[in-house]
Amino acid sequence: MEENKMNPTTIDEYIMQFPPEIQEKLQILRSVIKEEAQDATEKISWAMPTFYLHGNLVHFACFKKHIGFYPGENGIAVFKDRFHDYKYSKGAVQFPIDKPIPFDLIREIVKFRVTENISEAEKKKKSK
């Protein structure tokens, strides 16, 4: 599986370029994000599915051996003690393709990011 086989312009196009078993995981991931970030809009940014709510909320991308989830620096820092089974960096965590995706953890991270983005947007509004 080769990441970004084409240049998708929608999340649907992005997901459709992968085999059915991967599409299923990506669709579930997308649904979990949408459930927790109902007011977020979808777009492709940096060639990745992106959810936007008062700024970038989270991104995800599929690679040969993992699905990358990008909740930003704070999204990783707050939950890093729960990533002991995964590779992670300052702003990303990798979920192996051949293992179950921790959708409950992703749900918690998205909730956190929604609260964070809304709070930041309110602070900016008040400072104007």
Protein backbone atom coordinates (compact mmCIF):
# COMPACT_ATOMS: atom_id res chain seq x y z
CA MET A 1 0.00 0.00 0.00
CA GLU A 2 1.45 3.31 -1.04
CA GLU A 3 0.46 6.47 0.78
CA ASN A 4 -1.31 9.13 -1.31
CA LYS A 5 -1.60 7.22 -4.61
CA MET A 6 -3.49 10.18 -6.04
CA ASN A 7 -4.10 13.72 -4.90
CA PRO A 8 -7.49 13.46 -3.22
CA THR A 9 -9.57 16.59 -2.69
CA THR A 10 -12.04 15.04 -0.21
CA ILE A 11 -11.80 12.58 2.65
CA ASP A 12 -13.99 10.17 0.67
CA GLU A 13 -11.49 10.22 -2.21
CA TYR A 14 -8.63 9.74 0.24
CA ILE A 15 -10.22 6.68 1.86
CA MET A 16 -11.26 5.11 -1.46
CA GLN A 17 -7.64 4.73 -2.59
CA PHE A 18 -6.97 1.99 0.00
CA PRO A 19 -7.98 -1.69 0.12
CA PRO A 20 -11.43 -2.47 1.60
CA GLU A 21 -10.14 -3.67 4.98
CA ILE A 22 -8.18 -0.42 5.42
CA GLN A 23 -11.10 1.67 4.15
CA GLU A 24 -13.22 0.16 6.92
CA LYS A 25 -10.74 1.23 9.63
CA LEU A 26 -10.44 4.71 8.13
CA GLN A 27 -14.22 5.11 7.92
CA ILE A 28 -14.62 4.10 11.56
CA LEU A 29 -11.87 6.53 12.54
CA ARG A 30 -13.62 9.27 10.57
CA SER A 31 -16.96 8.45 12.24
CA VAL A 32 -15.45 8.55 15.73
CA ILE A 33 -13.93 11.96 15.02
CA LYS A 34 -17.20 13.27 13.55
CA GLU A 35 -19.19 12.05 16.57
CA GLU A 36 -16.98 13.97 18.97
CA ALA A 37 -16.46 17.01 16.76
CA GLN A 38 -19.89 17.49 15.24
CA ASP A 39 -19.28 21.12 14.34
CA ALA A 40 -15.93 20.46 12.68
CA THR A 41 -15.58 20.70 8.93
CA GLU A 42 -13.70 18.18 6.84
CA LYS A 43 -10.99 19.02 4.36
CA ILE A 44 -7.72 17.76 2.97
CA SER A 45 -4.74 19.62 4.40
CA TRP A 46 -1.10 18.61 3.97
CA ALA A 47 -2.48 15.76 1.79
CA MET A 48 -4.24 14.30 4.85
CA PRO A 49 -7.84 14.08 6.02
CA THR A 50 -8.27 17.01 8.37
CA PHE A 51 -10.98 18.12 10.76
CA TYR A 52 -11.15 21.87 11.29
CA LEU A 53 -12.83 23.65 14.21
CA HIS A 54 -11.54 27.15 14.98
CA GLY A 55 -8.27 25.89 13.47
CA ASN A 56 -6.93 22.47 12.69
CA LEU A 57 -8.35 19.94 15.13
CA VAL A 58 -6.91 16.56 14.10
CA HIS A 59 -5.51 14.89 11.00
CA PHE A 60 -5.02 11.25 10.05
CA ALA A 61 -3.15 9.46 7.30
CA CYS A 62 -2.64 5.89 6.20
CA PHE A 63 0.81 4.49 5.54
CA LYS A 64 2.11 1.04 4.65
CA LYS A 65 2.28 -0.28 8.21
CA HIS A 66 0.36 2.22 10.31
CA ILE A 67 -2.34 4.84 10.53
CA GLY A 68 -0.94 8.14 11.73
CA PHE A 69 -3.12 10.26 13.99
CA TYR A 70 -2.14 13.90 14.43
CA PRO A 71 -3.89 15.68 17.33
CA GLY A 72 -1.21 18.31 17.76
CA GLU A 73 1.35 18.75 20.48
CA ASN A 74 -1.11 19.10 23.39
CA GLY A 75 -3.19 16.17 22.16
CA ILE A 76 -0.11 14.00 22.47
CA ALA A 77 1.29 15.50 25.69
CA VAL A 78 -1.93 15.03 27.68
CA PHE A 79 -2.40 11.40 26.62
CA LYS A 80 1.20 10.19 26.16
CA ASP A 81 1.02 7.92 29.21
CA ARG A 82 -1.57 5.89 27.28
CA PHE A 83 0.64 5.43 24.20
CA HIS A 84 2.93 2.78 25.70
CA ASP A 85 1.99 0.31 22.91
CA TYR A 86 2.51 2.83 20.10
CA LYS A 87 5.22 4.91 18.52
CA TYR A 88 4.58 8.58 19.10
CA SER A 89 6.27 11.92 18.70
CA LYS A 90 5.61 15.52 19.68
CA GLY A 91 2.45 15.79 17.55
CA ALA A 92 1.62 12.31 16.24
CA VAL A 93 0.94 8.73 17.22
CA GLN A 94 1.17 5.65 14.99
CA PHE A 95 -1.42 2.86 15.22
CA PRO A 96 -0.20 -0.34 13.51
CA ILE A 97 -2.43 -1.44 10.64
CA ASP A 98 -2.38 -5.07 11.76
CA LYS A 99 -3.65 -4.33 15.29
CA PRO A 100 -6.95 -2.98 16.61
CA ILE A 101 -7.21 0.80 16.55
CA PRO A 102 -7.92 2.27 20.04
CA PHE A 103 -11.05 4.14 19.03
CA ASP A 104 -12.03 4.92 22.65
CA LEU A 105 -8.68 6.64 23.19
CA ILE A 106 -9.08 8.55 19.92
CA ARG A 107 -12.54 9.61 21.05
CA GLU A 108 -11.07 11.04 24.27
CA ILE A 109 -8.31 12.85 22.43
CA VAL A 110 -10.78 14.42 19.98
CA LYS A 111 -13.02 15.57 22.87
CA PHE A 112 -9.97 17.16 24.49
CA ARG A 113 -8.98 18.88 21.24
CA VAL A 114 -12.51 20.19 20.66
CA THR A 115 -12.53 21.74 24.14
CA GLU A 116 -9.05 23.14 23.61
CA ASN A 117 -9.85 24.70 20.22
CA ILE A 118 -13.11 26.23 21.43
CA SER A 119 -11.38 27.65 24.50
CA GLU A 120 -8.60 29.17 22.38
CA ALA A 121 -11.13 30.68 19.98
CA GLU A 122 -13.05 32.25 22.89
CA LYS A 123 -9.83 33.72 24.32
CA LYS A 124 -8.96 35.25 20.94
CA LYS A 125 -12.46 36.68 20.61
CA LYS A 126 -12.28 38.30 24.06
CA SER A 127 -8.86 39.81 23.40
CA LYS A 128 -10.10 41.71 20.34
